[in-house]
PDB file of N, CA and C in Angstrom:
ATOM      1  N   MET A   1      24.224   8.555 -16.565  1.00  0.00           N
ATOM      2  CA  MET A   1      23.548   9.646 -16.692  1.00  0.00           C
ATOM      3  C   MET A   1      22.982  10.189 -15.348  1.00  0.00           C
ATOM      4  N   TYR A   2      23.288  11.299 -14.987  1.00  0.00           N
ATOM      5  CA  TYR A   2      22.774  11.859 -13.630  1.00  0.00           C
ATOM      6  C   TYR A   2      21.569  12.692 -13.880  1.00  0.00           C
ATOM      7  N   LEU A   3      20.452  12.386 -13.096  1.00  0.00           N
ATOM      8  CA  LEU A   3      19.216  13.055 -13.083  1.00  0.00           C
ATOM      9  C   LEU A   3      19.157  14.140 -12.022  1.00  0.00           C
ATOM     10  N   ASN A   4      19.029  15.395 -12.190  1.00  0.00           N
ATOM     11  CA  ASN A   4      18.901  16.476 -11.225  1.00  0.00           C
ATOM     12  C   ASN A   4      17.441  16.611 -10.822  1.00  0.00           C
ATOM     13  N   TYR A   5      17.128  15.955  -9.801  1.00  0.00           N
ATOM     14  CA  TYR A   5      15.767  15.794  -9.298  1.00  0.00           C
ATOM     15  C   TYR A   5      15.227  17.259  -8.901  1.00  0.00           C
ATOM     16  N   GLN A   6      16.113  18.119  -8.627  1.00  0.00           N
ATOM     17  CA  GLN A   6      15.658  19.452  -8.245  1.00  0.00           C
ATOM     18  C   GLN A   6      15.124  20.090  -9.435  1.00  0.00           C
ATOM     19  N   THR A   7      15.648  19.963 -10.582  1.00  0.00           N
ATOM     20  CA  THR A   7      15.350  20.519 -11.971  1.00  0.00           C
ATOM     21  C   THR A   7      13.984  19.966 -12.342  1.00  0.00           C
ATOM     22  N   ILE A   8      13.856  18.539 -12.180  1.00  0.00           N
ATOM     23  CA  ILE A   8      12.578  17.940 -12.524  1.00  0.00           C
ATOM     24  C   ILE A   8      11.432  18.462 -11.579  1.00  0.00           C
ATOM     25  N   GLY A   9      11.736  18.451 -10.348  1.00  0.00           N
ATOM     26  CA  GLY A   9      10.875  18.986  -9.249  1.00  0.00           C
ATOM     27  C   GLY A   9      10.404  20.287  -9.649  1.00  0.00           C
ATOM     28  N   LYS A  10      11.290  21.188  -9.914  1.00  0.00           N
ATOM     29  CA  LYS A  10      10.869  22.618 -10.185  1.00  0.00           C
ATOM     30  C   LYS A  10      10.048  22.815 -11.529  1.00  0.00           C
ATOM     31  N   ARG A  11      10.122  21.849 -12.455  1.00  0.00           N
ATOM     32  CA  ARG A  11       9.427  21.860 -13.814  1.00  0.00           C
ATOM     33  C   ARG A  11       8.007  21.399 -13.297  1.00  0.00           C
ATOM     34  N   ILE A  12       7.974  20.305 -12.350  1.00  0.00           N
ATOM     35  CA  ILE A  12       6.646  19.927 -12.113  1.00  0.00           C
ATOM     36  C   ILE A  12       5.961  20.861 -11.356  1.00  0.00           C
ATOM     37  N   ARG A  13       6.533  21.838 -10.489  1.00  0.00           N
ATOM     38  CA  ARG A  13       5.715  22.744  -9.763  1.00  0.00           C
ATOM     39  C   ARG A  13       5.426  23.834 -10.684  1.00  0.00           C
ATOM     40  N   LEU A  14       6.251  24.220 -11.518  1.00  0.00           N
ATOM     41  CA  LEU A  14       5.919  25.322 -12.464  1.00  0.00           C
ATOM     42  C   LEU A  14       4.632  24.970 -13.294  1.00  0.00           C
ATOM     43  N   LEU A  15       4.690  23.798 -13.841  1.00  0.00           N
ATOM     44  CA  LEU A  15       3.552  23.252 -14.698  1.00  0.00           C
ATOM     45  C   LEU A  15       2.193  23.206 -13.731  1.00  0.00           C
ATOM     46  N   ARG A  16       2.377  22.815 -12.497  1.00  0.00           N
ATOM     47  CA  ARG A  16       1.254  22.591 -11.676  1.00  0.00           C
ATOM     48  C   ARG A  16       0.660  23.826 -11.310  1.00  0.00           C
ATOM     49  N   THR A  17       1.607  24.963 -10.971  1.00  0.00           N
ATOM     50  CA  THR A  17       1.046  26.300 -10.590  1.00  0.00           C
ATOM     51  C   THR A  17       0.555  27.029 -11.868  1.00  0.00           C
ATOM     52  N   GLN A  18       0.972  26.751 -13.047  1.00  0.00           N
ATOM     53  CA  GLN A  18       0.521  27.376 -14.161  1.00  0.00           C
ATOM     54  C   GLN A  18      -0.889  27.002 -14.450  1.00  0.00           C
ATOM     55  N   GLN A  19      -1.208  25.790 -13.996  1.00  0.00           N
ATOM     56  CA  GLN A  19      -2.677  25.103 -14.224  1.00  0.00           C
ATOM     57  C   GLN A  19      -3.500  25.420 -13.080  1.00  0.00           C
ATOM     58  N   HIS A  20      -2.945  26.260 -11.960  1.00  0.00           N
ATOM     59  CA  HIS A  20      -3.600  26.703 -10.838  1.00  0.00           C
ATOM     60  C   HIS A  20      -4.074  25.404  -9.964  1.00  0.00           C
ATOM     61  N   LEU A  21      -3.155  24.416  -9.882  1.00  0.00           N
ATOM     62  CA  LEU A  21      -3.510  23.236  -9.002  1.00  0.00           C
ATOM     63  C   LEU A  21      -2.603  23.247  -7.797  1.00  0.00           C
ATOM     64  N   SER A  22      -3.266  22.954  -6.761  1.00  0.00           N
ATOM     65  CA  SER A  22      -2.626  22.869  -5.506  1.00  0.00           C
ATOM     66  C   SER A  22      -1.847  21.496  -5.463  1.00  0.00           C
ATOM     67  N   GLN A  23      -0.946  21.441  -4.472  1.00  0.00           N
ATOM     68  CA  GLN A  23      -0.218  20.137  -4.149  1.00  0.00           C
ATOM     69  C   GLN A  23      -1.139  19.111  -3.980  1.00  0.00           C
ATOM     70  N   MET A  24      -2.152  19.481  -3.052  1.00  0.00           N
ATOM     71  CA  MET A  24      -3.246  18.537  -2.633  1.00  0.00           C
ATOM     72  C   MET A  24      -3.980  18.120  -3.869  1.00  0.00           C
ATOM     73  N   THR A  25      -4.222  18.803  -4.723  1.00  0.00           N
ATOM     74  CA  THR A  25      -5.223  18.293  -5.879  1.00  0.00           C
ATOM     75  C   THR A  25      -4.288  17.413  -6.770  1.00  0.00           C
ATOM     76  N   LEU A  26      -3.066  17.846  -7.065  1.00  0.00           N
ATOM     77  CA  LEU A  26      -2.167  17.013  -7.742  1.00  0.00           C
ATOM     78  C   LEU A  26      -1.903  15.643  -7.131  1.00  0.00           C
ATOM     79  N   ALA A  27      -1.680  15.662  -5.723  1.00  0.00           N
ATOM     80  CA  ALA A  27      -1.546  14.438  -4.985  1.00  0.00           C
ATOM     81  C   ALA A  27      -2.805  13.589  -5.170  1.00  0.00           C
ATOM     82  N   GLU A  28      -3.915  13.974  -5.112  1.00  0.00           N
ATOM     83  CA  GLU A  28      -5.086  13.190  -5.347  1.00  0.00           C
ATOM     84  C   GLU A  28      -5.108  12.560  -6.699  1.00  0.00           C
ATOM     85  N   MET A  29      -4.804  13.330  -7.839  1.00  0.00           N
ATOM     86  CA  MET A  29      -4.810  12.975  -9.220  1.00  0.00           C
ATOM     87  C   MET A  29      -3.933  11.826  -9.469  1.00  0.00           C
ATOM     88  N   VAL A  30      -2.754  11.667  -8.602  1.00  0.00           N
ATOM     89  CA  VAL A  30      -1.724  10.715  -8.886  1.00  0.00           C
ATOM     90  C   VAL A  30      -1.751   9.726  -7.688  1.00  0.00           C
ATOM     91  N   ASP A  31      -2.700   9.794  -6.824  1.00  0.00           N
ATOM     92  CA  ASP A  31      -2.773   8.832  -5.651  1.00  0.00           C
ATOM     93  C   ASP A  31      -1.690   8.704  -4.732  1.00  0.00           C
ATOM     94  N   LYS A  32      -1.135  10.028  -4.455  1.00  0.00           N
ATOM     95  CA  LYS A  32      -0.026  10.092  -3.486  1.00  0.00           C
ATOM     96  C   LYS A  32      -0.384  11.187  -2.532  1.00  0.00           C
ATOM     97  N   SER A  33       0.570  11.295  -1.518  1.00  0.00           N
ATOM     98  CA  SER A  33       0.211  12.296  -0.416  1.00  0.00           C
ATOM     99  C   SER A  33       0.751  13.660  -0.888  1.00  0.00           C
ATOM    100  N   PRO A  34       0.197  14.661  -0.347  1.00  0.00           N
ATOM    101  CA  PRO A  34       0.620  15.974  -0.705  1.00  0.00           C
ATOM    102  C   PRO A  34       2.233  16.088  -0.085  1.00  0.00           C
ATOM    103  N   THR A  35       2.506  15.472   0.950  1.00  0.00           N
ATOM    104  CA  THR A  35       3.917  15.409   1.297  1.00  0.00           C
ATOM    105  C   THR A  35       4.928  14.880   0.300  1.00  0.00           C
ATOM    106  N   TYR A  36       4.401  14.004  -0.343  1.00  0.00           N
ATOM    107  CA  TYR A  36       5.213  13.249  -1.390  1.00  0.00           C
ATOM    108  C   TYR A  36       5.411  14.196  -2.501  1.00  0.00           C
ATOM    109  N   ILE A  37       4.369  14.812  -2.995  1.00  0.00           N
ATOM    110  CA  ILE A  37       4.497  15.736  -3.930  1.00  0.00           C
ATOM    111  C   ILE A  37       5.416  16.895  -3.715  1.00  0.00           C
ATOM    112  N   SER A  38       5.360  17.550  -2.416  1.00  0.00           N
ATOM    113  CA  SER A  38       6.353  18.413  -1.923  1.00  0.00           C
ATOM    114  C   SER A  38       7.764  18.004  -1.942  1.00  0.00           C
ATOM    115  N   LEU A  39       7.954  16.778  -1.484  1.00  0.00           N
ATOM    116  CA  LEU A  39       9.363  16.280  -1.534  1.00  0.00           C
ATOM    117  C   LEU A  39       9.848  16.094  -3.082  1.00  0.00           C
ATOM    118  N   VAL A  40       8.979  15.683  -3.939  1.00  0.00           N
ATOM    119  CA  VAL A  40       9.425  15.660  -5.312  1.00  0.00           C
ATOM    120  C   VAL A  40       9.635  17.025  -5.994  1.00  0.00           C
ATOM    121  N   GLU A  41       8.780  17.842  -5.655  1.00  0.00           N
ATOM    122  CA  GLU A  41       8.939  19.265  -6.230  1.00  0.00           C
ATOM    123  C   GLU A  41      10.143  20.032  -5.693  1.00  0.00           C
ATOM    124  N   ASN A  42      10.670  19.669  -4.473  1.00  0.00           N
ATOM    125  CA  ASN A  42      11.784  20.211  -3.759  1.00  0.00           C
ATOM    126  C   ASN A  42      13.069  19.367  -4.136  1.00  0.00           C
ATOM    127  N   GLY A  43      12.912  18.376  -4.924  1.00  0.00           N
ATOM    128  CA  GLY A  43      14.109  17.598  -5.237  1.00  0.00           C
ATOM    129  C   GLY A  43      14.583  16.708  -4.195  1.00  0.00           C
ATOM    130  N   GLN A  44      13.857  16.392  -3.203  1.00  0.00           N
ATOM    131  CA  GLN A  44      14.318  15.648  -2.067  1.00  0.00           C
ATOM    132  C   GLN A  44      13.868  14.245  -2.209  1.00  0.00           C
ATOM    133  N   LYS A  45      13.031  13.862  -3.222  1.00  0.00           N
ATOM    134  CA  LYS A  45      12.663  12.640  -3.520  1.00  0.00           C
ATOM    135  C   LYS A  45      12.601  12.449  -5.117  1.00  0.00           C
ATOM    136  N   GLY A  46      13.277  11.372  -5.656  1.00  0.00           N
ATOM    137  CA  GLY A  46      13.161  11.141  -7.033  1.00  0.00           C
ATOM    138  C   GLY A  46      11.964  10.451  -7.359  1.00  0.00           C
ATOM    139  N   PRO A  47      11.150  10.880  -8.287  1.00  0.00           N
ATOM    140  CA  PRO A  47       9.917  10.005  -8.638  1.00  0.00           C
ATOM    141  C   PRO A  47      10.451   8.904  -9.534  1.00  0.00           C
ATOM    142  N   SER A  48       9.538   7.709  -9.496  1.00  0.00           N
ATOM    143  CA  SER A  48       9.822   6.588 -10.255  1.00  0.00           C
ATOM    144  C   SER A  48       9.294   7.071 -11.696  1.00  0.00           C
ATOM    145  N   LEU A  49       9.832   6.111 -12.576  1.00  0.00           N
ATOM    146  CA  LEU A  49       9.227   6.389 -13.885  1.00  0.00           C
ATOM    147  C   LEU A  49       7.720   6.292 -13.995  1.00  0.00           C
ATOM    148  N   GLU A  50       7.093   5.373 -13.315  1.00  0.00           N
ATOM    149  CA  GLU A  50       5.715   5.326 -13.205  1.00  0.00           C
ATOM    150  C   GLU A  50       5.065   6.578 -12.814  1.00  0.00           C
ATOM    151  N   MET A  51       5.686   7.054 -11.604  1.00  0.00           N
ATOM    152  CA  MET A  51       5.181   8.290 -11.090  1.00  0.00           C
ATOM    153  C   MET A  51       5.322   9.548 -11.986  1.00  0.00           C
ATOM    154  N   LEU A  52       6.337   9.582 -12.863  1.00  0.00           N
ATOM    155  CA  LEU A  52       6.674  10.646 -13.761  1.00  0.00           C
ATOM    156  C   LEU A  52       5.654  10.397 -14.794  1.00  0.00           C
ATOM    157  N   ILE A  53       5.241   9.332 -15.288  1.00  0.00           N
ATOM    158  CA  ILE A  53       4.108   9.272 -16.286  1.00  0.00           C
ATOM    159  C   ILE A  53       2.750   9.552 -15.524  1.00  0.00           C
ATOM    160  N   ASP A  54       2.470   9.323 -14.413  1.00  0.00           N
ATOM    161  CA  ASP A  54       1.262   9.664 -13.825  1.00  0.00           C
ATOM    162  C   ASP A  54       1.150  11.192 -13.644  1.00  0.00           C
ATOM    163  N   VAL A  55       2.317  11.713 -13.279  1.00  0.00           N
ATOM    164  CA  VAL A  55       2.346  13.311 -13.087  1.00  0.00           C
ATOM    165  C   VAL A  55       2.154  13.910 -14.416  1.00  0.00           C
ATOM    166  N   ALA A  56       2.805  13.498 -15.398  1.00  0.00           N
ATOM    167  CA  ALA A  56       2.701  13.927 -16.751  1.00  0.00           C
ATOM    168  C   ALA A  56       1.229  13.850 -17.202  1.00  0.00           C
ATOM    169  N   ASN A  57       0.697  12.717 -17.077  1.00  0.00           N
ATOM    170  CA  ASN A  57      -0.842  12.494 -17.474  1.00  0.00           C
ATOM    171  C   ASN A  57      -1.782  13.457 -16.766  1.00  0.00           C
ATOM    172  N   ALA A  58      -1.431  13.668 -15.362  1.00  0.00           N
ATOM    173  CA  ALA A  58      -2.206  14.474 -14.613  1.00  0.00           C
ATOM    174  C   ALA A  58      -2.207  16.074 -14.931  1.00  0.00           C
ATOM    175  N   LEU A  59      -0.784  16.401 -15.484  1.00  0.00           N
ATOM    176  CA  LEU A  59      -0.680  17.608 -15.855  1.00  0.00           C
ATOM    177  C   LEU A  59      -0.874  17.927 -17.429  1.00  0.00           C
ATOM    178  N   LYS A  60      -1.402  16.853 -18.130  1.00  0.00           N
ATOM    179  CA  LYS A  60      -1.676  16.923 -19.415  1.00  0.00           C
ATOM    180  C   LYS A  60      -0.567  17.330 -20.407  1.00  0.00           C
ATOM    181  N   VAL A  61       0.620  16.842 -19.976  1.00  0.00           N
ATOM    182  CA  VAL A  61       1.900  17.103 -20.812  1.00  0.00           C
ATOM    183  C   VAL A  61       2.576  15.736 -20.981  1.00  0.00           C
ATOM    184  N   THR A  62       3.534  15.834 -22.005  1.00  0.00           N
ATOM    185  CA  THR A  62       4.354  14.444 -22.134  1.00  0.00           C
ATOM    186  C   THR A  62       5.471  14.556 -21.088  1.00  0.00           C
ATOM    187  N   THR A  63       6.022  13.330 -21.015  1.00  0.00           N
ATOM    188  CA  THR A  63       7.150  13.142 -20.089  1.00  0.00           C
ATOM    189  C   THR A  63       8.234  13.918 -20.878  1.00  0.00           C
ATOM    190  N   ASP A  64       8.366  14.139 -22.027  1.00  0.00           N
ATOM    191  CA  ASP A  64       9.459  15.033 -22.459  1.00  0.00           C
ATOM    192  C   ASP A  64       9.487  16.170 -22.067  1.00  0.00           C
ATOM    193  N   VAL A  65       8.324  16.803 -21.604  1.00  0.00           N
ATOM    194  CA  VAL A  65       8.148  18.236 -21.079  1.00  0.00           C
ATOM    195  C   VAL A  65       9.063  18.154 -19.645  1.00  0.00           C
ATOM    196  N   LEU A  66       8.775  16.984 -18.884  1.00  0.00           N
ATOM    197  CA  LEU A  66       9.167  16.877 -17.589  1.00  0.00           C
ATOM    198  C   LEU A  66      10.795  16.628 -17.563  1.00  0.00           C
ATOM    199  N   LEU A  67      11.218  15.987 -18.764  1.00  0.00           N
ATOM    200  CA  LEU A  67      12.770  15.561 -18.763  1.00  0.00           C
ATOM    201  C   LEU A  67      13.335  16.392 -19.852  1.00  0.00           C
ATOM    202  N   ALA A  68      12.961  17.576 -20.275  1.00  0.00           N
ATOM    203  CA  ALA A  68      13.489  18.228 -21.439  1.00  0.00           C
ATOM    204  C   ALA A  68      15.043  18.554 -21.439  1.00  0.00           C
ATOM    205  N   GLU A  69      15.545  18.763 -20.238  1.00  0.00           N
ATOM    206  CA  GLU A  69      16.957  19.092 -20.166  1.00  0.00           C
ATOM    207  C   GLU A  69      17.805  17.791 -20.505  1.00  0.00           C
ATOM    208  N   TYR A  70      17.248  16.584 -20.427  1.00  0.00           N
ATOM    209  CA  TYR A  70      17.968  15.438 -20.598  1.00  0.00           C
ATOM    210  C   TYR A  70      17.956  14.786 -21.965  1.00  0.00           C
ATOM    211  N   LEU A  71      17.138  15.302 -22.783  1.00  0.00           N
ATOM    212  CA  LEU A  71      16.923  14.915 -24.116  1.00  0.00           C
ATOM    213  C   LEU A  71      17.771  15.556 -25.244  1.00  0.00           C
ATOM    214  N   GLU A  72      18.463  14.595 -25.798  1.00  0.00           N
ATOM    215  CA  GLU A  72      19.566  15.246 -26.923  1.00  0.00           C
ATOM    216  C   GLU A  72      18.705  16.043 -27.960  1.00  0.00           C
ATOM    217  N   HIS A  73      17.575  15.534 -28.408  1.00  0.00           N
ATOM    218  CA  HIS A  73      16.838  16.169 -29.482  1.00  0.00           C
ATOM    219  C   HIS A  73      15.551  16.735 -28.965  1.00  0.00           C
ATOM    220  N   ASN A  74      15.800  17.809 -28.048  1.00  0.00           N
ATOM    221  CA  ASN A  74      14.680  18.421 -27.422  1.00  0.00           C
ATOM    222  C   ASN A  74      14.147  19.556 -28.253  1.00  0.00           C
ATOM    223  N   THR A  75      12.839  19.402 -28.527  1.00  0.00           N
ATOM    224  CA  THR A  75      12.039  20.443 -29.209  1.00  0.00           C
ATOM    225  C   THR A  75      11.026  21.130 -28.374  1.00  0.00           C
ATOM    226  N   THR A  76      10.986  20.678 -27.041  1.00  0.00           N
ATOM    227  CA  THR A  76      10.048  21.246 -26.105  1.00  0.00           C
ATOM    228  C   THR A  76      10.451  22.556 -25.565  1.00  0.00           C
ATOM    229  N   ALA A  77       9.701  23.573 -25.377  1.00  0.00           N
ATOM    230  CA  ALA A  77      10.036  24.919 -24.938  1.00  0.00           C
ATOM    231  C   ALA A  77       9.014  25.150 -23.679  1.00  0.00           C
ATOM    232  N   VAL A  78       9.593  25.154 -22.511  1.00  0.00           N
ATOM    233  CA  VAL A  78       8.682  25.491 -21.335  1.00  0.00           C
ATOM    234  C   VAL A  78       9.522  26.634 -20.502  1.00  0.00           C
ATOM    235  N   GLU A  79       8.740  27.597 -20.230  1.00  0.00           N
ATOM    236  CA  GLU A  79       9.414  28.551 -19.335  1.00  0.00           C
ATOM    237  C   GLU A  79       8.591  28.791 -18.057  1.00  0.00           C
TER     238      GLU A  79
END
């Protein structure tokens, strides 16, 4: 299976901005640098499973929301 990190990054950015969080704030919440968050959101760096879980927890969503396009039985709707 091929994961499109740009799609995952866009989803993270969308959720972050919907919650009015800056990259700096999200970075502090997951103990990473703002540069790292920027690279993930732009699809230039693929987050580890651990980091996806940390980001999901910080954004108060499930990992299903972050990976919705890759689930066969997707019931998550995010716009």
